[in-house]
Amino acid sequence: MNVAIVGASGAVGQEFLRLLEERNFPLTSLALFGSKRSAGTTCPFKGKNLLIKELQHNDDFKGIDIALASAGGGISKEFAETITQHGAVMIDNSSAFRMDADVPLVVPEVNPDDCRQRPRNIIANPNCTTILMVVVLKAIEQLSHITRVQVASYQSASGAGAAAMAELQTQLQQVLAGDSVAIEKFKYQLAFNLIPQIDVFADHDYTKEELKMYNETRKIMHSNIEVSATCVRVPVMRAHSEAVWLETEQPLTPEQVRKALQTAAGVTVVDNPAQGEYPMPLFAADKDNVFVGRIRKDLSRPNGITLWLSGDQIRKGAALNAIQIAEYMIDHKLLPSQ
């Protein structure tokens, strides 16, 4: 495959490079694109230094089979036609097209067949918090239809990009040294703090991040599931966690849920509270799977189950999910060049 990465110098772009090498992705060529600022710099890949070209409205994507894009919604909207005009499939990590009716929103463990219908040659990668949650919900949905979910997310600095991760590290050092704290990427100091706002506030005082979890979950799962979310930024570097309360049409036991999750694709069960074994971002970082535990009956709801999950935001929450979409299309010969 001839592959392009758009936004190669960013946190997700760098993760694309690592994963393509780790997974021995079938590459014929790899082209890197970025902003005017990053153009001319290089990225290491398989012992070579690849040059980043400036993303422009030209024919640079002629002959490209798959374009992995993570450069922000504005760039994705501006360059989508340029990227796809010669037949490349654009797998977009931004929120630009997620809720467009003619753009599939895909998590390969949940709805891979949606890749088959892509009239604009664009496939959207969902929001990171949504991806981690629906991978777990899918296995439970197969036992009994999930009618309602309440979720509180504990989201790492990585969700705001590489500069945000660097800012958290700097802030931690500044606080411990007794220095004044520099704040740029977040509304408030993140070090030793929690910020109960991710993205801007929208309808009913939900943030856009919280509304993404509502809308995207329903689209991915093709479901009437109701979702209420509270999304919180926490001083963790790169793995998100979520506390999930869900209700099903039929009552389920924790044992049924645990058994289903133990065989679910993309899930690792860590659920031995007596021994202090449960998912934590410390151990989920740099891992592919979503880790789930604290599986128990909801004492307040007869058909309720509650659980806790952690997953790497940059990997499964972004770069890995996009590459898995690409791998699925290759395996099922869904690309125009096949």
Protein backbone atom coordinates (compact mmCIF):
# COMPACT_ATOMS: atom_id res chain seq x y z
CA MET A 1 0.00 0.00 0.00
CA ASN A 2 1.02 3.58 -0.68
CA VAL A 3 0.28 5.43 2.54
CA ALA A 4 0.37 9.10 3.54
CA ILE A 5 0.34 10.62 7.02
CA VAL A 6 -1.12 14.11 7.34
CA GLY A 7 0.04 15.81 10.52
CA ALA A 8 3.14 13.64 10.79
CA SER A 9 4.92 15.74 13.42
CA GLY A 10 2.06 15.72 15.95
CA ALA A 11 1.54 13.25 18.80
CA VAL A 12 -0.86 11.06 16.80
CA GLY A 13 1.24 11.38 13.65
CA GLN A 14 4.27 10.11 15.53
CA GLU A 15 2.19 7.25 16.90
CA PHE A 16 1.12 6.39 13.34
CA LEU A 17 4.79 5.98 12.45
CA ARG A 18 5.52 3.78 15.46
CA LEU A 19 2.53 1.54 14.85
CA LEU A 20 3.11 1.14 11.11
CA GLU A 21 6.58 -0.15 11.97
CA GLU A 22 5.52 -2.27 14.95
CA ARG A 23 2.66 -3.96 13.08
CA ASN A 24 4.70 -4.51 9.91
CA PHE A 25 1.99 -2.74 7.92
CA PRO A 26 2.17 -3.68 4.20
CA LEU A 27 3.84 -0.56 2.82
CA THR A 28 5.07 0.13 -0.68
CA SER A 29 5.71 3.79 0.09
CA LEU A 30 5.12 6.23 2.94
CA ALA A 31 4.69 9.98 2.41
CA LEU A 32 4.63 12.49 5.28
CA PHE A 33 2.81 15.83 5.22
CA GLY A 34 2.59 18.69 7.68
CA SER A 35 2.31 22.42 8.10
CA LYS A 36 4.64 24.98 6.58
CA ARG A 37 6.41 25.08 9.97
CA SER A 38 7.18 21.34 10.05
CA ALA A 39 7.90 21.00 6.32
CA GLY A 40 11.54 20.20 5.66
CA THR A 41 12.05 18.37 8.96
CA THR A 42 12.45 14.60 9.08
CA CYS A 43 11.01 11.66 11.02
CA PRO A 44 12.82 8.36 11.61
CA PHE A 45 11.14 5.26 10.19
CA LYS A 46 12.67 1.81 9.78
CA GLY A 47 16.21 3.13 9.94
CA LYS A 48 15.62 5.97 7.50
CA ASN A 49 14.79 9.65 7.88
CA LEU A 50 11.63 10.57 5.98
CA LEU A 51 11.11 14.16 4.87
CA ILE A 52 7.92 15.98 5.80
CA LYS A 53 6.41 17.85 2.87
CA GLU A 54 4.15 20.86 3.19
CA LEU A 55 0.48 19.96 2.72
CA GLN A 56 -0.73 21.83 -0.34
CA HIS A 57 -3.56 21.80 -2.85
CA ASN A 58 -1.81 19.85 -5.61
CA ASP A 59 -1.48 16.29 -6.93
CA ASP A 60 0.78 14.94 -4.14
CA PHE A 61 -1.87 12.35 -3.23
CA LYS A 62 -2.04 10.84 -6.69
CA GLY A 63 -1.21 7.14 -6.27
CA ILE A 64 -1.85 7.17 -2.51
CA ASP A 65 -4.13 4.35 -1.31
CA ILE A 66 -4.66 5.40 2.31
CA ALA A 67 -4.20 8.79 3.98
CA LEU A 68 -4.05 8.78 7.77
CA ALA A 69 -4.99 12.30 8.82
CA SER A 70 -4.55 13.92 12.22
CA ALA A 71 -4.02 17.62 11.68
CA GLY A 72 -7.20 19.11 13.14
CA GLY A 73 -10.72 19.59 11.88
CA GLY A 74 -10.06 22.78 9.95
CA ILE A 75 -7.24 21.21 7.94
CA SER A 76 -9.28 18.07 7.32
CA LYS A 77 -12.20 20.06 5.94
CA GLU A 78 -9.98 22.24 3.78
CA PHE A 79 -7.93 19.41 2.28
CA ALA A 80 -10.38 16.47 2.17
CA GLU A 81 -11.11 16.91 -1.55
CA THR A 82 -7.41 17.34 -2.38
CA ILE A 83 -6.55 14.17 -0.45
CA THR A 84 -9.32 11.99 -1.90
CA GLN A 85 -9.63 13.33 -5.47
CA HIS A 86 -7.40 10.64 -6.99
CA GLY A 87 -8.98 7.74 -5.08
CA ALA A 88 -7.16 7.75 -1.73
CA VAL A 89 -9.24 6.74 1.27
CA MET A 90 -8.89 9.34 4.00
CA ILE A 91 -9.10 8.00 7.56
CA ASP A 92 -9.62 11.18 9.53
CA ASN A 93 -8.85 11.53 13.23
CA SER A 94 -10.55 14.91 13.66
CA SER A 95 -14.17 15.66 14.52
CA ALA A 96 -14.77 17.28 11.11
CA PHE A 97 -16.87 14.54 9.50
CA ARG A 98 -17.88 12.22 12.34
CA MET A 99 -21.57 13.02 12.33
CA ASP A 100 -21.95 13.45 8.55
CA ALA A 101 -24.52 10.94 7.30
CA ASP A 102 -22.39 9.98 4.29
CA VAL A 103 -19.20 9.36 6.33
CA PRO A 104 -18.88 6.11 8.30
CA LEU A 105 -17.70 6.39 11.90
CA VAL A 106 -15.82 3.19 12.64
CA VAL A 107 -14.37 1.17 15.50
CA PRO A 108 -13.20 -2.13 13.95
CA GLU A 109 -14.18 -4.25 16.96
CA VAL A 110 -17.73 -2.82 16.79
CA ASN A 111 -18.87 -1.85 13.27
CA PRO A 112 -16.16 -2.72 10.69
CA ASP A 113 -18.63 -3.34 7.87
CA ASP A 114 -19.53 0.36 7.88
CA CYS A 115 -16.23 0.85 5.99
CA ARG A 116 -17.88 -0.60 2.90
CA GLN A 117 -20.15 2.41 2.34
CA ARG A 118 -18.01 5.53 2.01
CA PRO A 119 -19.31 7.69 -0.87
CA ARG A 120 -16.82 10.48 -0.17
CA ASN A 121 -13.87 8.11 0.39
CA ILE A 122 -13.67 9.41 3.97
CA ILE A 123 -13.85 7.28 7.10
CA ALA A 124 -14.00 9.08 10.44
CA ASN A 125 -12.10 7.95 13.51
CA PRO A 126 -14.31 8.52 16.59
CA ASN A 127 -13.50 10.53 19.67
CA CYS A 128 -11.00 8.77 21.93
CA THR A 129 -13.30 8.45 24.93
CA THR A 130 -16.05 7.03 22.74
CA ILE A 131 -13.71 4.46 21.16
CA LEU A 132 -12.56 3.11 24.52
CA MET A 133 -16.12 2.82 25.82
CA VAL A 134 -17.82 1.22 22.80
CA VAL A 135 -15.18 -1.52 22.53
CA VAL A 136 -16.37 -2.60 26.00
CA LEU A 137 -20.08 -1.94 25.40
CA LYS A 138 -20.13 -4.09 22.25
CA ALA A 139 -19.56 -7.32 24.18
CA ILE A 140 -22.32 -6.45 26.67
CA GLU A 141 -24.73 -5.38 23.91
CA GLN A 142 -24.49 -8.92 22.51
CA LEU A 143 -25.85 -10.26 25.82
CA SER A 144 -28.71 -7.77 26.16
CA HIS A 145 -29.52 -4.43 24.55
CA ILE A 146 -28.01 -1.52 26.49
CA THR A 147 -30.63 1.16 27.00
CA ARG A 148 -28.72 3.72 29.03
CA VAL A 149 -25.17 4.68 29.97
CA GLN A 150 -23.83 7.19 32.43
CA VAL A 151 -20.09 7.78 32.20
CA ALA A 152 -17.52 9.94 33.92
CA SER A 153 -14.27 10.18 31.99
CA TYR A 154 -10.85 10.91 33.45
CA GLN A 155 -8.92 12.15 30.43
CA SER A 156 -5.17 12.48 30.12
CA ALA A 157 -3.17 15.43 28.85
CA SER A 158 -2.42 13.56 25.63
CA GLY A 159 -5.97 14.23 24.47
CA ALA A 160 -4.95 17.85 23.98
CA GLY A 161 -1.80 16.97 22.02
CA ALA A 162 1.96 16.82 22.43
CA ALA A 163 2.26 20.41 23.64
CA ALA A 164 -0.27 19.70 26.41
CA MET A 165 1.72 16.68 27.56
CA ALA A 166 4.85 18.82 27.70
CA GLU A 167 2.98 21.51 29.62
CA LEU A 168 1.83 19.02 32.25
CA GLN A 169 5.39 17.79 32.73
CA THR A 170 6.68 21.36 33.04
CA GLN A 171 3.91 22.31 35.46
CA LEU A 172 4.68 19.35 37.72
CA GLN A 173 8.31 20.44 37.88
CA GLN A 174 7.32 24.07 38.50
CA VAL A 175 4.95 23.20 41.37
CA LEU A 176 7.48 20.91 43.06
CA ALA A 177 10.16 23.58 42.74
CA GLY A 178 7.86 26.24 44.19
CA ASP A 179 7.95 28.28 40.97
CA SER A 180 5.07 30.09 39.29
CA VAL A 181 3.10 27.85 36.95
CA ALA A 182 2.87 28.57 33.21
CA ILE A 183 -0.61 27.96 31.75
CA GLU A 184 -1.17 27.91 27.99
CA LYS A 185 -2.88 24.75 26.73
CA PHE A 186 -5.49 24.41 29.48
CA LYS A 187 -7.88 26.89 31.06
CA TYR A 188 -6.33 26.23 34.48
CA GLN A 189 -3.27 24.58 35.95
CA LEU A 190 -3.56 20.83 35.33
CA ALA A 191 -0.74 19.68 37.62
CA PHE A 192 -2.20 18.42 40.93
CA ASN A 193 -5.65 19.47 39.73
CA LEU A 194 -8.77 18.24 37.91
CA ILE A 195 -10.55 20.35 35.28
CA PRO A 196 -14.22 19.39 34.73
CA GLN A 197 -14.31 20.90 31.25
CA ILE A 198 -13.05 19.44 27.97
CA ASP A 199 -13.90 21.54 24.89
CA VAL A 200 -16.43 24.38 25.02
CA PHE A 201 -19.83 24.32 26.67
CA ALA A 202 -22.79 23.69 24.38
CA ASP A 203 -26.48 22.89 24.87
CA HIS A 204 -27.76 22.30 28.42
CA ASP A 205 -24.27 23.09 29.77
CA TYR A 206 -22.81 19.86 28.38
CA THR A 207 -19.43 20.29 26.72
CA LYS A 208 -18.86 19.34 23.10
CA GLU A 209 -16.73 16.43 24.33
CA GLU A 210 -19.67 15.11 26.36
CA LEU A 211 -22.06 15.50 23.44
CA LYS A 212 -19.61 13.59 21.22
CA MET A 213 -19.94 10.61 23.55
CA TYR A 214 -23.73 10.77 23.22
CA ASN A 215 -23.95 11.18 19.46
CA GLU A 216 -20.99 9.05 18.38
CA THR A 217 -21.94 6.07 20.55
CA ARG A 218 -25.39 5.95 18.96
CA LYS A 219 -23.98 6.20 15.43
CA ILE A 220 -21.26 3.57 15.91
CA MET A 221 -23.52 1.06 17.64
CA HIS A 222 -26.55 1.77 15.41
CA SER A 223 -28.49 2.06 18.63
CA ASN A 224 -31.03 4.17 20.50
CA ILE A 225 -28.80 4.00 23.57
CA GLU A 226 -28.99 7.05 25.82
CA VAL A 227 -25.66 8.43 27.07
CA SER A 228 -24.96 11.07 29.70
CA ALA A 229 -21.30 11.99 30.17
CA THR A 230 -19.15 14.17 32.40
CA CYS A 231 -15.66 14.59 30.98
CA VAL A 232 -12.79 15.63 33.24
CA ARG A 233 -9.15 16.44 32.40
CA VAL A 234 -6.79 14.82 34.89
CA PRO A 235 -3.01 15.12 35.45
CA VAL A 236 -2.19 11.84 33.69
CA MET A 237 0.13 11.78 30.69
CA ARG A 238 -1.42 9.53 28.01
CA ALA A 239 -4.12 7.05 29.07
CA HIS A 240 -7.81 7.83 29.66
CA SER A 241 -10.03 6.13 32.23
CA GLU A 242 -13.82 5.95 32.51
CA ALA A 243 -16.31 5.02 35.21
CA VAL A 244 -19.33 3.53 33.43
CA TRP A 245 -22.84 2.80 34.73
CA LEU A 246 -25.06 1.00 32.24
CA GLU A 247 -28.55 -0.48 32.12
CA THR A 248 -29.67 -3.38 29.93
CA GLU A 249 -33.12 -4.59 28.85
CA GLN A 250 -32.57 -7.90 30.62
CA PRO A 251 -30.78 -8.22 33.96
CA LEU A 252 -27.19 -9.46 33.69
CA THR A 253 -24.89 -10.79 36.36
CA PRO A 254 -21.33 -9.52 36.78
CA GLU A 255 -20.17 -13.04 35.95
CA GLN A 256 -21.98 -12.95 32.59
CA VAL A 257 -20.47 -9.57 31.75
CA ARG A 258 -17.00 -10.63 32.86
CA LYS A 259 -17.13 -13.79 30.75
CA ALA A 260 -18.27 -11.88 27.66
CA LEU A 261 -15.50 -9.32 28.07
CA GLN A 262 -12.83 -11.97 28.55
CA THR A 263 -13.40 -13.15 24.97
CA ALA A 264 -14.09 -9.72 23.43
CA ALA A 265 -11.73 -8.39 20.76
CA GLY A 266 -9.55 -5.53 21.95
CA VAL A 267 -10.37 -6.02 25.63
CA THR A 268 -8.29 -7.23 28.58
CA VAL A 269 -10.11 -7.98 31.83
CA VAL A 270 -8.22 -7.02 35.01
CA ASP A 271 -10.77 -7.64 37.74
CA ASN A 272 -9.54 -9.04 41.03
CA PRO A 273 -10.36 -6.36 43.61
CA ALA A 274 -9.50 -8.61 46.56
CA GLN A 275 -5.90 -8.58 45.35
CA GLY A 276 -5.95 -4.92 44.34
CA GLU A 277 -5.99 -5.76 40.62
CA TYR A 278 -7.92 -3.34 38.41
CA PRO A 279 -7.19 -1.14 35.37
CA MET A 280 -5.10 1.97 35.83
CA PRO A 281 -3.70 4.46 33.31
CA LEU A 282 -0.22 3.73 34.63
CA PHE A 283 -0.42 0.21 33.18
CA ALA A 284 -2.68 0.94 30.18
CA ALA A 285 -0.22 3.42 28.63
CA ASP A 286 1.51 2.11 25.49
CA LYS A 287 -0.85 -0.90 25.32
CA ASP A 288 -3.23 -1.71 22.46
CA ASN A 289 -6.20 -3.12 24.38
CA VAL A 290 -8.82 -1.46 26.57
CA PHE A 291 -8.48 -2.72 30.14
CA VAL A 292 -11.69 -3.26 32.12
CA GLY A 293 -12.40 -4.20 35.73
CA ARG A 294 -14.37 -3.31 38.88
CA ILE A 295 -17.27 -5.14 37.19
CA ARG A 296 -20.17 -5.25 39.62
CA LYS A 297 -23.91 -5.01 40.01
CA ASP A 298 -25.30 -1.50 40.29
CA LEU A 299 -26.95 -1.47 43.71
CA SER A 300 -29.35 1.29 42.66
CA ARG A 301 -30.70 -0.31 39.46
CA PRO A 302 -32.12 -3.84 38.99
CA ASN A 303 -30.78 -4.04 35.42
CA GLY A 304 -27.64 -2.04 36.12
CA ILE A 305 -23.95 -2.94 35.81
CA THR A 306 -21.05 -0.65 36.65
CA LEU A 307 -17.42 -0.98 35.59
CA TRP A 308 -14.13 0.87 35.22
CA LEU A 309 -11.88 1.00 32.15
CA SER A 310 -8.54 2.45 31.11
CA GLY A 311 -6.98 2.71 27.66
CA ASP A 312 -4.17 4.49 25.88
CA GLN A 313 -5.63 7.61 24.30
CA ILE A 314 -2.99 8.00 21.60
CA ARG A 315 -2.99 4.33 20.59
CA LYS A 316 -6.47 2.78 20.67
CA GLY A 317 -8.08 6.15 21.21
CA ALA A 318 -6.57 7.53 18.01
CA ALA A 319 -3.71 6.11 15.91
CA LEU A 320 -4.25 2.38 16.43
CA ASN A 321 -7.96 2.57 15.67
CA ALA A 322 -7.23 4.31 12.36
CA ILE A 323 -4.59 1.76 11.39
CA GLN A 324 -6.93 -1.09 12.30
CA ILE A 325 -9.49 0.43 9.93
CA ALA A 326 -6.85 0.46 7.19
CA GLU A 327 -5.88 -3.15 7.95
CA TYR A 328 -9.52 -4.23 7.80
CA MET A 329 -9.98 -2.62 4.39
CA ILE A 330 -6.82 -4.26 3.06
CA ASP A 331 -7.80 -7.67 4.43
CA HIS A 332 -11.28 -7.41 2.89
CA LYS A 333 -10.08 -5.84 -0.39
CA LEU A 334 -12.14 -2.68 0.06
CA LEU A 335 -9.64 -0.22 -1.44
CA PRO A 336 -10.05 1.12 -4.99
CA SER A 337 -6.52 -0.07 -5.89
CA GLN A 338 -7.44 -3.64 -4.98
